[in-house]
Protein backbone atom coordinates (compact mmCIF):
# COMPACT_ATOMS: atom_id res chain seq x y z
CA UNK A 1 -12.95 -5.75 11.00
CA UNK A 2 -14.42 -7.90 8.17
CA UNK A 3 -11.80 -9.25 5.76
CA UNK A 4 -11.79 -11.06 2.42
CA UNK A 5 -8.64 -13.09 1.69
CA UNK A 6 -7.65 -14.08 -1.86
CA UNK A 7 -4.75 -16.49 -1.85
CA UNK A 8 -4.22 -19.70 -3.82
CA UNK A 9 -1.63 -21.13 -1.48
CA UNK A 10 -3.69 -23.14 1.07
CA UNK A 11 -1.06 -23.00 3.81
CA UNK A 12 -0.69 -19.22 3.61
CA UNK A 13 -4.44 -18.70 3.25
CA UNK A 14 -5.22 -20.76 6.35
CA UNK A 15 -2.35 -19.17 8.20
CA UNK A 16 -3.64 -15.70 7.49
CA UNK A 17 -7.15 -16.71 8.46
CA UNK A 18 -6.00 -18.15 11.79
CA UNK A 19 -3.78 -15.12 12.52
CA UNK A 20 -6.50 -12.60 11.77
CA UNK A 21 -9.30 -14.44 13.62
CA UNK A 22 -7.02 -14.88 16.62
CA UNK A 23 -6.54 -11.10 16.75
CA UNK A 24 -10.24 -10.37 16.75
CA UNK A 25 -11.03 -9.98 13.01
CA UNK A 26 -13.71 -11.69 11.01
CA UNK A 27 -12.86 -13.57 7.79
CA UNK A 28 -16.07 -13.14 5.84
CA UNK A 29 -14.79 -15.09 2.78
CA UNK A 30 -11.67 -16.70 1.30
CA UNK A 31 -11.08 -17.01 -2.47
CA UNK A 32 -8.60 -19.21 -4.23
CA UNK A 33 -8.72 -17.68 -7.76
CA UNK A 34 -9.30 -14.43 -9.57
CA UNK A 35 -12.50 -15.49 -11.32
CA UNK A 36 -14.67 -15.27 -8.17
CA UNK A 37 -12.90 -12.43 -6.42
CA UNK A 38 -14.83 -9.44 -7.80
CA UNK A 39 -18.20 -11.01 -7.12
CA UNK A 40 -17.14 -11.96 -3.59
CA UNK A 41 -15.89 -8.46 -2.81
CA UNK A 42 -19.10 -6.89 -4.10
CA UNK A 43 -21.23 -9.39 -2.21
CA UNK A 44 -19.37 -9.20 1.09
CA UNK A 45 -18.26 -5.54 0.98
CA UNK A 46 -15.47 -6.15 3.54
CA UNK A 47 -13.57 -3.53 5.51
CA UNK A 48 -10.43 -4.61 3.68
CA UNK A 49 -9.33 -7.09 1.02
CA UNK A 50 -6.03 -8.99 1.51
CA UNK A 51 -5.02 -10.52 -1.80
CA UNK A 52 -2.20 -12.12 -3.75
CA UNK A 53 -1.25 -10.38 -7.01
CA UNK A 54 -0.99 -13.68 -8.89
CA UNK A 55 -3.92 -16.03 -8.75
CA UNK A 56 -5.24 -18.88 -10.95
CA UNK A 57 -5.94 -19.52 -13.68
CA UNK A 58 -2.93 -17.76 -15.33
CA UNK A 59 -0.97 -16.71 -12.22
CA UNK A 60 -0.25 -13.30 -13.73
CA UNK A 61 -2.17 -10.38 -12.24
CA UNK A 62 -5.70 -11.72 -11.64
CA UNK A 63 -5.74 -10.68 -8.02
CA UNK A 64 -4.82 -7.09 -8.77
CA UNK A 65 -7.11 -6.83 -11.79
CA UNK A 66 -10.00 -8.00 -9.67
CA UNK A 67 -9.21 -5.51 -6.95
CA UNK A 68 -9.05 -2.65 -9.47
CA UNK A 69 -12.37 -3.73 -10.93
CA UNK A 70 -13.93 -3.93 -7.49
CA UNK A 71 -12.62 -0.50 -6.52
CA UNK A 72 -14.26 0.99 -9.60
CA UNK A 73 -17.56 -0.01 -8.02
CA UNK A 74 -16.44 0.42 -4.42
CA UNK A 75 -13.94 3.35 -4.53
CA UNK A 76 -13.35 3.31 -0.79
CA UNK A 77 -12.45 -0.42 -0.62
CA UNK A 78 -9.07 -0.72 1.16
CA UNK A 79 -6.75 -3.26 -0.53
CA UNK A 80 -3.61 -4.79 0.91
CA UNK A 81 -1.66 -6.64 -1.81
CA UNK A 82 0.79 -9.50 -1.02
CA UNK A 83 3.43 -10.53 -3.57
CA UNK A 84 6.36 -12.83 -3.68
CA UNK A 85 8.42 -10.31 -5.67
CA UNK A 86 8.38 -6.61 -6.49
CA UNK A 87 6.11 -6.44 -9.55
CA UNK A 88 6.92 -3.00 -10.91
CA UNK A 89 4.00 -2.71 -13.30
CA UNK A 90 1.58 -4.14 -10.75
CA UNK A 91 2.76 -1.80 -8.01
CA UNK A 92 2.43 1.14 -10.40
CA UNK A 93 -1.12 0.16 -11.26
CA UNK A 94 -2.12 -0.04 -7.63
CA UNK A 95 -0.53 3.26 -6.77
CA UNK A 96 -1.68 5.02 -9.94
CA UNK A 97 -5.30 4.71 -8.88
CA UNK A 98 -4.49 7.74 -6.65
CA UNK A 99 -6.76 6.66 -3.82
CA UNK A 100 -6.09 6.10 -0.21
CA UNK A 101 -6.29 2.71 1.55
CA UNK A 102 -3.62 0.88 -0.47
CA UNK A 103 -0.80 -1.38 0.58
CA UNK A 104 1.84 -3.51 -1.11
CA UNK A 105 3.83 -5.92 1.01
CA UNK A 106 6.23 -8.70 0.10
CA UNK A 107 5.11 -12.02 1.52
CA UNK A 108 8.20 -12.23 3.68
CA UNK A 109 6.75 -9.29 5.61
CA UNK A 110 3.70 -11.39 6.56
CA UNK A 111 6.07 -13.42 8.73
CA UNK A 112 6.63 -10.33 10.88
CA UNK A 113 3.28 -10.45 12.54
CA UNK A 114 3.34 -7.13 14.33
CA UNK A 115 4.39 -5.25 11.19
CA UNK A 116 1.79 -7.01 9.10
CA UNK A 117 -1.08 -6.22 11.52
CA UNK A 118 0.00 -2.58 11.80
CA UNK A 119 -0.02 -2.34 8.02
CA UNK A 120 -3.47 -4.00 7.86
CA UNK A 121 -4.91 -1.49 10.34
CA UNK A 122 -3.27 1.45 8.56
CA UNK A 123 -4.64 0.50 5.12
CA UNK A 124 -8.11 -0.27 6.53
CA UNK A 125 -8.16 3.20 8.05
CA UNK A 126 -7.40 4.76 4.67
CA UNK A 127 -3.66 5.00 4.98
CA UNK A 128 -0.83 3.68 2.82
CA UNK A 129 1.61 0.84 3.61
CA UNK A 130 4.42 0.10 1.21
CA UNK A 131 7.19 -2.45 1.76
CA UNK A 132 10.60 -0.76 2.04
CA UNK A 133 11.94 -3.14 -0.66
CA UNK A 134 9.15 -2.05 -3.03
CA UNK A 135 10.05 1.59 -2.50
CA UNK A 136 13.76 0.85 -2.90
CA UNK A 137 13.37 -0.90 -6.20
CA UNK A 138 10.89 1.64 -7.59
CA UNK A 139 13.22 4.53 -6.63
CA UNK A 140 15.69 3.59 -9.34
CA UNK A 141 13.00 4.36 -11.91
CA UNK A 142 12.30 7.86 -10.70
CA UNK A 143 12.48 10.64 -13.35
CA UNK A 144 14.17 13.98 -12.77
CA UNK A 145 11.31 16.31 -13.77
CA UNK A 146 8.78 15.28 -11.12
CA UNK A 147 6.91 17.19 -8.44
CA UNK A 148 9.34 16.08 -5.76
CA UNK A 149 12.28 17.94 -7.27
CA UNK A 150 11.63 20.86 -4.87
CA UNK A 151 12.25 18.60 -1.85
CA UNK A 152 15.61 18.47 -0.16
CA UNK A 153 17.42 15.13 0.24
CA UNK A 154 16.43 15.02 3.93
CA UNK A 155 12.81 15.79 3.13
CA UNK A 156 12.82 12.89 0.63
CA UNK A 157 14.23 10.61 3.28
CA UNK A 158 11.44 11.64 5.63
CA UNK A 159 8.81 11.16 2.95
CA UNK A 160 10.21 7.76 2.06
CA UNK A 161 9.86 6.64 5.69
CA UNK A 162 6.36 8.11 5.80
CA UNK A 163 5.52 5.91 2.81
CA UNK A 164 6.67 2.91 4.81
CA UNK A 165 4.13 3.85 7.41
CA UNK A 166 6.43 5.11 10.18
CA UNK A 167 5.17 7.76 12.63
CA UNK A 168 7.12 10.96 13.38
CA UNK A 169 8.77 9.56 16.49
CA UNK A 170 10.08 6.50 14.68
CA UNK A 171 11.29 8.57 11.75
CA UNK A 172 13.24 10.71 14.19
CA UNK A 173 14.96 7.71 15.67
CA UNK A 174 15.75 6.15 12.28
CA UNK A 175 17.33 9.40 11.01
CA UNK A 176 18.95 10.25 14.36
CA UNK A 177 17.29 13.67 14.46
CA UNK A 178 14.88 15.41 16.85
CA UNK A 179 11.18 14.83 16.43
CA UNK A 180 10.74 18.60 16.15
CA UNK A 181 12.99 18.49 13.11
CA UNK A 182 10.85 15.76 11.61
CA UNK A 183 7.75 17.89 12.16
CA UNK A 184 9.49 20.81 10.44
CA UNK A 185 10.51 18.64 7.47
CA UNK A 186 6.96 17.32 7.08
CA UNK A 187 5.63 20.82 7.19
CA UNK A 188 8.00 21.78 4.43
CA UNK A 189 7.01 18.74 2.38
CA UNK A 190 3.33 19.66 2.66
CA UNK A 191 4.09 23.24 1.64
CA UNK A 192 6.28 22.34 -1.27
CA UNK A 193 3.74 19.81 -2.60
CA UNK A 194 0.99 22.40 -2.35
CA UNK A 195 -1.08 20.47 0.18
CA UNK A 196 -3.38 22.94 2.02
CA UNK A 197 -3.91 22.82 5.77
CA UNK A 198 -7.64 22.35 5.11
CA UNK A 199 -6.81 18.74 4.12
CA UNK A 200 -6.08 17.99 7.75
CA UNK A 201 -4.89 14.43 8.33
CA UNK A 202 -5.34 13.65 4.65
CA UNK A 203 -2.21 15.65 3.77
CA UNK A 204 0.03 12.83 4.95
CA UNK A 205 -1.69 10.26 2.72
CA UNK A 206 -1.71 12.71 -0.22
CA UNK A 207 1.98 13.40 0.24
CA UNK A 208 2.80 9.64 0.31
CA UNK A 209 0.68 9.04 -2.80
CA UNK A 210 2.46 11.88 -4.61
CA UNK A 211 5.77 10.29 -3.69
CA UNK A 212 4.78 6.82 -4.77
CA UNK A 213 3.27 8.09 -8.06
CA UNK A 214 6.55 9.87 -8.69
CA UNK A 215 8.79 6.82 -8.11
CA UNK A 216 6.62 4.66 -10.35
CA UNK A 217 6.34 7.15 -13.20
CA UNK A 218 8.88 5.27 -15.39
CA UNK A 219 7.04 2.01 -15.23
CA UNK A 220 5.04 2.72 -18.37
CA UNK A 221 1.76 1.01 -19.07
CA UNK A 222 0.29 -0.75 -16.06
CA UNK A 223 -0.56 -3.63 -18.32
CA UNK A 224 3.09 -4.28 -19.08
CA UNK A 225 4.43 -7.55 -17.76
């Protein structure tokens, strides 16, 4: 796939480029700051953008702002965000767009090559990949009157693992239950969230987005720092 990388750290930028090219991907452009990112994305129209939240010149949220601006013109652009820390407002802004093809990983996760590549493929295919630490920290901000109140505690556990990108078999192993039970829980989740069978495979993405929107609902304005 064709990838644009936006990262100001030269070592990480070159490391990502080498990793991705060695696994058969094409790096169509690399960007070091937020000023040129939107134009580059619109020009290159990559299969996915891998970007740092904080880029020059202010090192605040240039990367994410540029990605949001680009997605307004290219709604289907998959974006995988890398961050040193869990930026609650930034994560909320990314998730609040309500679109598929989004990911938020802590940079430590990039060191786990297999997990990073799996997340990259999932997001590029229109799925969602959220770092477990991001979900964990956002969970403490969850409000009580949200659409997930109808879910049981086990169903929320299953949905949380779905948000991390795990398949049904892996979820079963992590929760020490049968895969048939996982399938039943997921069916209940879809039903309780009002996701029709006509959505097909999109129901899983919609369920994850509903979950992530719920856990970030206390973050307030996405422009908050």
